[in-house]
Amino acid sequence: MVVSTLKAEIKVLQAQLDRDSLQLTACQQRIIELEENVKNKDVCVTELKEKLEDVKISQEDEIKSIEDKYQAVMKINQGLEGKLLQLYSQVDELRRPKQTKGASVSPLHEYVDSSNNRNRTESDPSAMETAPKQTEQTVYKFHSAPANDTFNPSHTEIHNDIPHSVGARELDGASLVSKESGIEP
């Protein structure tokens, strides 16, 4: 009996060993699969880091390009505004001589004060009506440069209508004049 009990116990232990060895083999296979997944994910993470770095560099280049374009447009705009102010000044200067040439100079009437025997002058009141009225001088104010002279690229829009290779000399200044300003290029 003892022998049969031991044989039965050996069979049970043998069956348990077989189950455990199968489970061990399955676990080893699962470990191998997981290690391969980790390696693949590491490769993917490395590739993503490289792509992220490339995108970061290209974005920095694009922001620098936008800032350079902004500065070029600002210089052109300031030059145009300066020229516009100069033209306004010339127009005002050309209008002033016309006003003084076209208006008659008011004649002064002399009369002798009998009490003091002095000559006095007085202006003719009718001449005041024909004298040119002083026009208010128009002050032109342009807002081409920001108040704090800073440029924040996060508040800009990317426009693809200006090629990246366009420099300040190649931009058509007339096309930069706003339609809202009422000035035709």
N, C-alpha and C. Protein backbone atom coordinates (compact mmCIF):
# COMPACT_ATOMS: atom_id res chain seq x y z
N MET A 1 0.76 -1.19 0.00
CA MET A 1 0.00 0.00 0.00
C MET A 1 0.82 1.27 0.00
N VAL A 2 1.82 1.22 0.72
CA VAL A 2 2.66 2.40 0.78
C VAL A 2 3.23 2.66 -0.61
N VAL A 3 3.57 1.63 -1.29
CA VAL A 3 4.15 1.79 -2.63
C VAL A 3 3.11 2.37 -3.57
N SER A 4 1.91 1.89 -3.51
CA SER A 4 0.85 2.41 -4.40
C SER A 4 0.53 3.86 -4.05
N THR A 5 0.57 4.18 -2.77
CA THR A 5 0.32 5.57 -2.35
C THR A 5 1.45 6.47 -2.85
N LEU A 6 2.67 5.97 -2.76
CA LEU A 6 3.80 6.77 -3.23
C LEU A 6 3.74 6.93 -4.75
N LYS A 7 3.33 5.87 -5.45
CA LYS A 7 3.22 5.96 -6.91
C LYS A 7 2.13 6.97 -7.29
N ALA A 8 1.03 6.95 -6.57
CA ALA A 8 -0.06 7.90 -6.84
C ALA A 8 0.42 9.34 -6.56
N GLU A 9 1.15 9.48 -5.49
CA GLU A 9 1.66 10.80 -5.14
C GLU A 9 2.67 11.27 -6.18
N ILE A 10 3.49 10.37 -6.68
CA ILE A 10 4.47 10.73 -7.72
C ILE A 10 3.74 11.16 -8.99
N LYS A 11 2.64 10.46 -9.34
CA LYS A 11 1.86 10.84 -10.52
C LYS A 11 1.27 12.25 -10.36
N VAL A 12 0.75 12.52 -9.18
CA VAL A 12 0.16 13.85 -8.93
C VAL A 12 1.25 14.92 -9.03
N LEU A 13 2.40 14.63 -8.43
CA LEU A 13 3.49 15.60 -8.47
C LEU A 13 4.03 15.76 -9.89
N GLN A 14 4.06 14.65 -10.65
CA GLN A 14 4.51 14.70 -12.05
C GLN A 14 3.56 15.57 -12.87
N ALA A 15 2.26 15.38 -12.66
CA ALA A 15 1.26 16.19 -13.39
C ALA A 15 1.40 17.67 -13.01
N GLN A 16 1.62 17.95 -11.75
CA GLN A 16 1.79 19.33 -11.30
C GLN A 16 3.07 19.93 -11.90
N LEU A 17 4.14 19.11 -11.99
CA LEU A 17 5.39 19.56 -12.60
C LEU A 17 5.19 19.88 -14.07
N ASP A 18 4.43 19.02 -14.76
CA ASP A 18 4.15 19.27 -16.18
C ASP A 18 3.37 20.59 -16.36
N ARG A 19 2.36 20.79 -15.51
CA ARG A 19 1.58 22.03 -15.58
C ARG A 19 2.47 23.24 -15.29
N ASP A 20 3.30 23.14 -14.28
CA ASP A 20 4.18 24.25 -13.91
C ASP A 20 5.20 24.53 -15.01
N SER A 21 5.72 23.47 -15.64
CA SER A 21 6.70 23.67 -16.72
C SER A 21 6.03 24.32 -17.93
N LEU A 22 4.77 23.94 -18.24
CA LEU A 22 4.04 24.59 -19.33
C LEU A 22 3.78 26.07 -19.00
N GLN A 23 3.41 26.31 -17.76
CA GLN A 23 3.15 27.68 -17.33
C GLN A 23 4.44 28.50 -17.39
N LEU A 24 5.55 27.89 -17.02
CA LEU A 24 6.84 28.57 -17.08
C LEU A 24 7.21 28.90 -18.53
N THR A 25 6.98 27.96 -19.42
CA THR A 25 7.28 28.19 -20.84
C THR A 25 6.41 29.33 -21.38
N ALA A 26 5.13 29.34 -21.02
CA ALA A 26 4.22 30.40 -21.47
C ALA A 26 4.66 31.75 -20.91
N CYS A 27 5.07 31.77 -19.66
CA CYS A 27 5.54 33.02 -19.05
C CYS A 27 6.82 33.51 -19.72
N GLN A 28 7.72 32.59 -20.04
CA GLN A 28 8.95 32.98 -20.72
C GLN A 28 8.65 33.57 -22.10
N GLN A 29 7.70 32.95 -22.81
CA GLN A 29 7.29 33.49 -24.12
C GLN A 29 6.70 34.90 -23.97
N ARG A 30 5.88 35.06 -22.94
CA ARG A 30 5.25 36.36 -22.70
C ARG A 30 6.31 37.41 -22.36
N ILE A 31 7.33 37.02 -21.59
CA ILE A 31 8.42 37.94 -21.25
C ILE A 31 9.17 38.35 -22.50
N ILE A 32 9.44 37.39 -23.38
CA ILE A 32 10.14 37.69 -24.64
C ILE A 32 9.32 38.67 -25.48
N GLU A 33 8.00 38.43 -25.57
CA GLU A 33 7.13 39.33 -26.34
C GLU A 33 7.12 40.74 -25.75
N LEU A 34 7.03 40.82 -24.43
CA LEU A 34 7.00 42.13 -23.78
C LEU A 34 8.32 42.88 -23.95
N GLU A 35 9.44 42.14 -23.88
CA GLU A 35 10.74 42.78 -24.10
C GLU A 35 10.85 43.33 -25.52
N GLU A 36 10.32 42.58 -26.50
CA GLU A 36 10.34 43.07 -27.89
C GLU A 36 9.45 44.31 -28.03
N ASN A 37 8.30 44.29 -27.35
CA ASN A 37 7.42 45.47 -27.39
C ASN A 37 8.11 46.69 -26.78
N VAL A 38 8.83 46.47 -25.68
CA VAL A 38 9.55 47.57 -25.04
C VAL A 38 10.62 48.12 -25.98
N LYS A 39 11.35 47.22 -26.67
CA LYS A 39 12.37 47.66 -27.61
C LYS A 39 11.74 48.46 -28.75
N ASN A 40 10.61 47.96 -29.29
CA ASN A 40 9.93 48.68 -30.37
C ASN A 40 9.45 50.06 -29.92
N LYS A 41 8.92 50.08 -28.70
CA LYS A 41 8.45 51.37 -28.18
C LYS A 41 9.61 52.32 -27.92
N ASP A 42 10.74 51.80 -27.48
CA ASP A 42 11.92 52.65 -27.30
C ASP A 42 12.37 53.24 -28.63
N VAL A 43 12.35 52.41 -29.67
CA VAL A 43 12.72 52.89 -31.01
C VAL A 43 11.74 53.99 -31.46
N CYS A 44 10.44 53.75 -31.23
CA CYS A 44 9.42 54.75 -31.61
C CYS A 44 9.61 56.05 -30.82
N VAL A 45 9.89 55.93 -29.54
CA VAL A 45 10.10 57.12 -28.71
C VAL A 45 11.32 57.89 -29.21
N THR A 46 12.38 57.19 -29.56
CA THR A 46 13.58 57.84 -30.08
C THR A 46 13.27 58.57 -31.39
N GLU A 47 12.53 57.91 -32.28
CA GLU A 47 12.15 58.55 -33.55
C GLU A 47 11.27 59.77 -33.30
N LEU A 48 10.34 59.66 -32.38
CA LEU A 48 9.46 60.80 -32.06
C LEU A 48 10.25 61.97 -31.48
N LYS A 49 11.24 61.66 -30.64
CA LYS A 49 12.08 62.72 -30.08
C LYS A 49 12.85 63.43 -31.20
N GLU A 50 13.37 62.66 -32.15
CA GLU A 50 14.09 63.26 -33.27
C GLU A 50 13.16 64.13 -34.11
N LYS A 51 11.95 63.62 -34.37
CA LYS A 51 10.99 64.40 -35.15
C LYS A 51 10.59 65.67 -34.40
N LEU A 52 10.40 65.54 -33.11
CA LEU A 52 10.04 66.71 -32.29
C LEU A 52 11.15 67.76 -32.34
N GLU A 53 12.37 67.31 -32.26
CA GLU A 53 13.51 68.24 -32.34
C GLU A 53 13.56 68.92 -33.71
N ASP A 54 13.31 68.14 -34.78
CA ASP A 54 13.28 68.71 -36.12
C ASP A 54 12.17 69.75 -36.25
N VAL A 55 10.99 69.43 -35.72
CA VAL A 55 9.87 70.37 -35.78
C VAL A 55 10.19 71.63 -34.98
N LYS A 56 10.82 71.45 -33.83
CA LYS A 56 11.18 72.60 -32.99
C LYS A 56 12.15 73.52 -33.74
N ILE A 57 13.13 72.94 -34.39
CA ILE A 57 14.10 73.73 -35.15
C ILE A 57 13.42 74.44 -36.31
N SER A 58 12.55 73.72 -37.03
CA SER A 58 11.86 74.35 -38.16
C SER A 58 10.92 75.46 -37.69
N GLN A 59 10.28 75.28 -36.54
CA GLN A 59 9.40 76.33 -36.01
C GLN A 59 10.22 77.55 -35.60
N GLU A 60 11.37 77.33 -35.00
CA GLU A 60 12.23 78.46 -34.64
C GLU A 60 12.67 79.21 -35.90
N ASP A 61 13.01 78.46 -36.96
CA ASP A 61 13.39 79.10 -38.21
C ASP A 61 12.21 79.88 -38.80
N GLU A 62 11.03 79.29 -38.73
CA GLU A 62 9.84 79.96 -39.27
C GLU A 62 9.52 81.23 -38.47
N ILE A 63 9.65 81.15 -37.16
CA ILE A 63 9.40 82.33 -36.32
C ILE A 63 10.42 83.42 -36.64
N LYS A 64 11.68 83.03 -36.81
CA LYS A 64 12.71 84.01 -37.16
C LYS A 64 12.40 84.63 -38.51
N SER A 65 11.96 83.81 -39.45
CA SER A 65 11.60 84.32 -40.77
C SER A 65 10.44 85.30 -40.67
N ILE A 66 9.45 84.97 -39.86
CA ILE A 66 8.29 85.86 -39.68
C ILE A 66 8.74 87.17 -39.03
N GLU A 67 9.61 87.07 -38.02
CA GLU A 67 10.11 88.28 -37.37
C GLU A 67 10.89 89.15 -38.36
N ASP A 68 11.71 88.51 -39.21
CA ASP A 68 12.46 89.27 -40.20
C ASP A 68 11.51 89.96 -41.19
N LYS A 69 10.48 89.24 -41.62
CA LYS A 69 9.49 89.83 -42.53
C LYS A 69 8.78 90.99 -41.84
N TYR A 70 8.44 90.79 -40.58
CA TYR A 70 7.75 91.85 -39.82
C TYR A 70 8.63 93.09 -39.75
N GLN A 71 9.91 92.90 -39.43
CA GLN A 71 10.81 94.04 -39.35
C GLN A 71 10.96 94.73 -40.71
N ALA A 72 11.04 93.93 -41.79
CA ALA A 72 11.16 94.51 -43.13
C ALA A 72 9.91 95.30 -43.48
N VAL A 73 8.75 94.74 -43.19
CA VAL A 73 7.50 95.44 -43.49
C VAL A 73 7.39 96.70 -42.64
N MET A 74 7.83 96.62 -41.38
CA MET A 74 7.78 97.80 -40.52
C MET A 74 8.69 98.90 -41.06
N LYS A 75 9.89 98.54 -41.52
CA LYS A 75 10.79 99.54 -42.08
C LYS A 75 10.19 100.16 -43.33
N ILE A 76 9.61 99.32 -44.19
CA ILE A 76 8.98 99.84 -45.40
C ILE A 76 7.81 100.74 -45.04
N ASN A 77 7.00 100.30 -44.10
CA ASN A 77 5.83 101.07 -43.68
C ASN A 77 6.25 102.41 -43.07
N GLN A 78 7.28 102.38 -42.24
CA GLN A 78 7.76 103.63 -41.64
C GLN A 78 8.32 104.56 -42.71
N GLY A 79 9.03 103.98 -43.69
CA GLY A 79 9.53 104.80 -44.79
C GLY A 79 8.39 105.42 -45.59
N LEU A 80 7.37 104.61 -45.86
CA LEU A 80 6.20 105.12 -46.59
C LEU A 80 5.48 106.19 -45.79
N GLU A 81 5.35 105.97 -44.49
CA GLU A 81 4.69 106.97 -43.66
C GLU A 81 5.51 108.26 -43.60
N GLY A 82 6.83 108.13 -43.55
CA GLY A 82 7.69 109.32 -43.58
C GLY A 82 7.53 110.07 -44.89
N LYS A 83 7.51 109.32 -45.98
CA LYS A 83 7.31 109.93 -47.29
C LYS A 83 5.94 110.59 -47.37
N LEU A 84 4.93 109.93 -46.81
CA LEU A 84 3.58 110.48 -46.81
C LEU A 84 3.52 111.77 -46.00
N LEU A 85 4.18 111.78 -44.84
CA LEU A 85 4.24 113.01 -44.05
C LEU A 85 4.97 114.12 -44.81
N GLN A 86 6.02 113.75 -45.51
CA GLN A 86 6.76 114.73 -46.30
C GLN A 86 5.86 115.29 -47.40
N LEU A 87 5.10 114.42 -48.05
CA LEU A 87 4.19 114.87 -49.10
C LEU A 87 3.10 115.76 -48.53
N TYR A 88 2.56 115.38 -47.37
CA TYR A 88 1.56 116.23 -46.72
C TYR A 88 2.15 117.61 -46.41
N SER A 89 3.39 117.62 -45.94
CA SER A 89 4.06 118.87 -45.63
C SER A 89 4.23 119.71 -46.90
N GLN A 90 4.62 119.07 -48.00
CA GLN A 90 4.77 119.79 -49.26
C GLN A 90 3.44 120.33 -49.75
N VAL A 91 2.38 119.54 -49.58
CA VAL A 91 1.05 120.01 -49.98
C VAL A 91 0.66 121.22 -49.15
N ASP A 92 0.91 121.17 -47.85
CA ASP A 92 0.60 122.31 -46.99
C ASP A 92 1.41 123.54 -47.39
N GLU A 93 2.70 123.33 -47.72
CA GLU A 93 3.54 124.45 -48.15
C GLU A 93 3.05 125.03 -49.47
N LEU A 94 2.61 124.17 -50.37
CA LEU A 94 2.12 124.65 -51.65
C LEU A 94 0.79 125.38 -51.49
N ARG A 95 -0.01 125.00 -50.53
CA ARG A 95 -1.29 125.67 -50.31
C ARG A 95 -1.09 127.04 -49.67
N ARG A 96 -0.13 127.18 -48.80
CA ARG A 96 0.09 128.46 -48.10
C ARG A 96 0.42 129.60 -49.07
N PRO A 97 1.35 129.44 -49.99
CA PRO A 97 1.63 130.56 -50.91
C PRO A 97 0.40 130.94 -51.73
N LYS A 98 -0.40 129.97 -52.13
CA LYS A 98 -1.60 130.28 -52.89
C LYS A 98 -2.54 131.13 -52.05
N GLN A 99 -2.65 130.83 -50.79
CA GLN A 99 -3.55 131.58 -49.92
C GLN A 99 -3.04 133.00 -49.73
N THR A 100 -1.75 133.19 -49.56
CA THR A 100 -1.23 134.54 -49.34
C THR A 100 -1.17 135.34 -50.63
N LYS A 101 -0.90 134.70 -51.77
CA LYS A 101 -0.86 135.42 -53.04
C LYS A 101 -2.27 135.80 -53.47
N GLY A 102 -3.22 134.93 -53.28
CA GLY A 102 -4.59 135.16 -53.74
C GLY A 102 -5.31 136.17 -52.88
N ALA A 103 -4.94 136.35 -51.66
CA ALA A 103 -5.64 137.27 -50.77
C ALA A 103 -5.05 138.67 -50.92
N SER A 104 -5.89 139.64 -50.84
CA SER A 104 -5.41 141.02 -50.94
C SER A 104 -4.92 141.47 -49.57
N VAL A 105 -3.88 142.25 -49.60
CA VAL A 105 -3.34 142.78 -48.36
C VAL A 105 -4.23 143.93 -47.93
N SER A 106 -4.61 143.92 -46.70
CA SER A 106 -5.54 144.97 -46.24
C SER A 106 -4.82 146.31 -46.19
N PRO A 107 -5.39 147.29 -46.82
CA PRO A 107 -4.74 148.61 -46.82
C PRO A 107 -4.89 149.28 -45.46
N LEU A 108 -3.87 149.96 -45.08
CA LEU A 108 -3.91 150.70 -43.82
C LEU A 108 -4.26 152.16 -44.13
N HIS A 109 -5.17 152.68 -43.40
CA HIS A 109 -5.58 154.07 -43.60
C HIS A 109 -4.89 154.94 -42.57
N GLU A 110 -4.30 155.98 -43.08
CA GLU A 110 -3.64 156.92 -42.17
C GLU A 110 -4.57 158.09 -41.90
N TYR A 111 -4.53 158.51 -40.72
CA TYR A 111 -5.22 159.76 -40.39
C TYR A 111 -4.41 160.49 -39.35
N VAL A 112 -4.62 161.73 -39.30
CA VAL A 112 -3.85 162.57 -38.39
C VAL A 112 -4.72 162.88 -37.19
N ASP A 113 -4.17 162.58 -36.05
CA ASP A 113 -4.87 162.89 -34.80
C ASP A 113 -4.63 164.38 -34.52
N SER A 114 -5.68 165.10 -34.51
CA SER A 114 -5.54 166.54 -34.37
C SER A 114 -5.08 166.94 -32.97
N SER A 115 -5.38 166.13 -32.01
CA SER A 115 -5.01 166.52 -30.65
C SER A 115 -3.52 166.39 -30.40
N ASN A 116 -2.90 165.32 -30.95
CA ASN A 116 -1.48 165.10 -30.70
C ASN A 116 -0.63 165.36 -31.93
N ASN A 117 -1.25 165.66 -33.04
CA ASN A 117 -0.55 165.84 -34.31
C ASN A 117 0.33 164.63 -34.66
N ARG A 118 -0.22 163.46 -34.41
CA ARG A 118 0.51 162.23 -34.76
C ARG A 118 -0.25 161.49 -35.84
N ASN A 119 0.50 160.79 -36.66
CA ASN A 119 -0.14 159.93 -37.66
C ASN A 119 -0.47 158.60 -37.01
N ARG A 120 -1.67 158.12 -37.25
CA ARG A 120 -2.07 156.81 -36.73
C ARG A 120 -2.52 155.94 -37.89
N THR A 121 -2.40 154.66 -37.67
CA THR A 121 -2.87 153.71 -38.69
C THR A 121 -3.95 152.85 -38.08
N GLU A 122 -4.89 152.47 -38.92
CA GLU A 122 -5.90 151.50 -38.48
C GLU A 122 -6.21 150.61 -39.65
N SER A 123 -6.62 149.41 -39.38
CA SER A 123 -6.92 148.49 -40.46
C SER A 123 -8.34 148.69 -40.91
N ASP A 124 -8.56 148.41 -42.16
CA ASP A 124 -9.90 148.52 -42.75
C ASP A 124 -10.71 147.30 -42.33
N PRO A 125 -11.87 147.47 -41.66
CA PRO A 125 -12.65 146.32 -41.22
C PRO A 125 -13.15 145.47 -42.38
N SER A 126 -13.39 146.08 -43.53
CA SER A 126 -13.85 145.29 -44.68
C SER A 126 -12.74 144.39 -45.19
N ALA A 127 -11.50 144.80 -44.98
CA ALA A 127 -10.38 143.96 -45.42
C ALA A 127 -10.28 142.70 -44.58
N MET A 128 -10.73 142.76 -43.35
CA MET A 128 -10.70 141.58 -42.49
C MET A 128 -11.62 140.48 -43.01
N GLU A 129 -12.72 140.89 -43.64
CA GLU A 129 -13.65 139.90 -44.18
C GLU A 129 -13.06 139.18 -45.37
N THR A 130 -12.24 139.87 -46.16
CA THR A 130 -11.66 139.25 -47.36
C THR A 130 -10.34 138.57 -47.07
N ALA A 131 -9.78 138.80 -45.92
CA ALA A 131 -8.50 138.18 -45.58
C ALA A 131 -8.68 136.67 -45.45
N PRO A 132 -7.66 135.92 -45.85
CA PRO A 132 -7.79 134.45 -45.76
C PRO A 132 -7.86 134.01 -44.31
N LYS A 133 -8.72 133.08 -44.07
CA LYS A 133 -8.86 132.53 -42.72
C LYS A 133 -7.72 131.57 -42.47
N GLN A 134 -7.23 131.59 -41.27
CA GLN A 134 -6.17 130.66 -40.90
C GLN A 134 -6.76 129.27 -40.78
N THR A 135 -6.23 128.36 -41.54
CA THR A 135 -6.71 126.98 -41.48
C THR A 135 -6.00 126.26 -40.35
N GLU A 136 -6.71 125.35 -39.76
CA GLU A 136 -6.09 124.55 -38.71
C GLU A 136 -5.09 123.61 -39.35
N GLN A 137 -3.97 123.50 -38.73
CA GLN A 137 -2.96 122.61 -39.26
C GLN A 137 -3.32 121.18 -38.86
N THR A 138 -3.33 120.31 -39.85
CA THR A 138 -3.69 118.92 -39.60
C THR A 138 -2.47 118.18 -39.10
N VAL A 139 -2.65 117.42 -38.05
CA VAL A 139 -1.57 116.61 -37.51
C VAL A 139 -1.85 115.17 -37.91
N TYR A 140 -0.88 114.56 -38.54
CA TYR A 140 -1.03 113.19 -38.98
C TYR A 140 -0.26 112.28 -38.04
N LYS A 141 -0.92 111.26 -37.59
CA LYS A 141 -0.29 110.33 -36.66
C LYS A 141 -0.40 108.93 -37.24
N PHE A 142 0.71 108.24 -37.30
CA PHE A 142 0.72 106.89 -37.82
C PHE A 142 1.05 105.91 -36.70
N HIS A 143 0.53 104.75 -36.84
CA HIS A 143 0.72 103.73 -35.81
C HIS A 143 1.43 102.51 -36.38
N SER A 144 2.51 102.70 -37.11
CA SER A 144 3.15 101.55 -37.72
C SER A 144 3.96 100.74 -36.73
N ALA A 145 4.51 101.37 -35.73
CA ALA A 145 5.31 100.64 -34.76
C ALA A 145 4.50 100.43 -33.50
N PRO A 146 4.63 99.27 -32.89
CA PRO A 146 3.92 99.04 -31.63
C PRO A 146 4.42 100.01 -30.57
N ALA A 147 3.57 100.27 -29.60
CA ALA A 147 3.90 101.24 -28.56
C ALA A 147 5.13 100.83 -27.77
N ASN A 148 5.28 99.55 -27.54
CA ASN A 148 6.40 99.10 -26.73
C ASN A 148 7.54 98.55 -27.57
N ASP A 149 7.49 98.72 -28.89
CA ASP A 149 8.52 98.26 -29.82
C ASP A 149 8.89 96.80 -29.63
N THR A 150 7.93 95.98 -29.27
CA THR A 150 8.19 94.56 -29.15
C THR A 150 7.36 93.83 -30.17
N PHE A 151 7.81 92.67 -30.51
CA PHE A 151 7.10 91.84 -31.47
C PHE A 151 6.82 90.52 -30.80
N ASN A 152 5.57 90.15 -30.80
CA ASN A 152 5.17 88.88 -30.20
C ASN A 152 4.63 88.00 -31.31
N PRO A 153 5.41 86.99 -31.73
CA PRO A 153 4.95 86.16 -32.84
C PRO A 153 3.70 85.35 -32.54
N SER A 154 3.36 85.21 -31.27
CA SER A 154 2.15 84.44 -30.97
C SER A 154 0.90 85.20 -31.35
N HIS A 155 1.02 86.52 -31.57
CA HIS A 155 -0.14 87.31 -31.95
C HIS A 155 -0.16 87.60 -33.45
N THR A 156 0.63 86.88 -34.21
CA THR A 156 0.65 87.12 -35.64
C THR A 156 -0.03 86.00 -36.36
N GLU A 157 -0.41 86.29 -37.59
CA GLU A 157 -0.99 85.26 -38.43
C GLU A 157 0.03 84.94 -39.51
N ILE A 158 0.05 83.71 -39.94
CA ILE A 158 0.96 83.31 -41.00
C ILE A 158 0.23 83.50 -42.31
N HIS A 159 0.80 84.34 -43.17
CA HIS A 159 0.21 84.56 -44.48
C HIS A 159 1.14 83.94 -45.51
N ASN A 160 0.61 83.13 -46.37
CA ASN A 160 1.42 82.47 -47.37
C ASN A 160 1.47 83.26 -48.67
N ASP A 161 0.91 84.49 -48.69
CA ASP A 161 0.92 85.24 -49.92
C ASP A 161 2.25 85.96 -50.14
N ILE A 162 3.12 86.02 -49.14
CA ILE A 162 4.45 86.61 -49.32
C ILE A 162 5.45 85.46 -49.28
N PRO A 163 6.20 85.26 -50.36
CA PRO A 163 7.17 84.16 -50.36
C PRO A 163 8.25 84.39 -49.32
N HIS A 164 8.82 83.28 -48.83
CA HIS A 164 9.84 83.37 -47.79
C HIS A 164 11.09 84.07 -48.28
N SER A 165 11.38 84.02 -49.59
CA SER A 165 12.61 84.58 -50.10
C SER A 165 12.50 86.08 -50.39
N VAL A 166 11.35 86.68 -50.16
CA VAL A 166 11.17 88.09 -50.48
C VAL A 166 11.88 88.93 -49.44
N GLY A 167 12.72 89.84 -49.91
CA GLY A 167 13.41 90.75 -49.01
C GLY A 167 12.73 92.10 -49.00
N ALA A 168 13.27 93.01 -48.21
CA ALA A 168 12.64 94.33 -48.07
C ALA A 168 12.64 95.09 -49.39
N ARG A 169 13.70 94.93 -50.20
CA ARG A 169 13.77 95.67 -51.46
C ARG A 169 12.81 95.10 -52.48
N GLU A 170 12.45 93.84 -52.37
CA GLU A 170 11.61 93.19 -53.37
C GLU A 170 10.13 93.39 -53.11
N LEU A 171 9.75 93.80 -51.90
CA LEU A 171 8.34 94.01 -51.60
C LEU A 171 7.85 95.27 -52.28
N ASP A 172 6.67 95.21 -52.85
CA ASP A 172 6.07 96.37 -53.47
C ASP A 172 5.44 97.22 -52.38
N GLY A 173 6.01 98.39 -52.11
CA GLY A 173 5.53 99.24 -51.03
C GLY A 173 4.10 99.68 -51.24
N ALA A 174 3.70 99.87 -52.49
CA ALA A 174 2.34 100.34 -52.74
C ALA A 174 1.32 99.30 -52.34
N SER A 175 1.68 98.04 -52.44
CA SER A 175 0.71 97.01 -52.08
C SER A 175 0.54 96.89 -50.58
N LEU A 176 1.44 97.52 -49.81
CA LEU A 176 1.33 97.46 -48.36
C LEU A 176 0.36 98.49 -47.81
N VAL A 177 -0.04 99.47 -48.63
CA VAL A 177 -0.95 100.50 -48.16
C VAL A 177 -2.32 99.88 -47.94
N SER A 178 -2.89 100.15 -46.83
CA SER A 178 -4.16 99.53 -46.45
C SER A 178 -5.30 100.10 -47.26
N LYS A 179 -6.22 99.25 -47.64
CA LYS A 179 -7.42 99.69 -48.34
C LYS A 179 -8.28 100.53 -47.42
N GLU A 180 -8.20 100.28 -46.11
CA GLU A 180 -9.02 101.02 -45.16
C GLU A 180 -8.57 102.47 -45.05
N SER A 181 -7.30 102.74 -45.38
CA SER A 181 -6.82 104.10 -45.23
C SER A 181 -7.35 105.01 -46.32
N GLY A 182 -7.89 104.43 -47.39
CA GLY A 182 -8.44 105.24 -48.47
C GLY A 182 -7.39 105.72 -49.44
N ILE A 183 -6.15 105.30 -49.28
CA ILE A 183 -5.08 105.71 -50.16
C ILE A 183 -4.91 104.64 -51.21
N GLU A 184 -5.01 105.03 -52.44
CA GLU A 184 -4.85 104.07 -53.52
C GLU A 184 -3.37 103.92 -53.83
N PRO A 185 -2.89 102.71 -54.08
CA PRO A 185 -1.48 102.53 -54.41
C PRO A 185 -1.17 103.03 -55.81
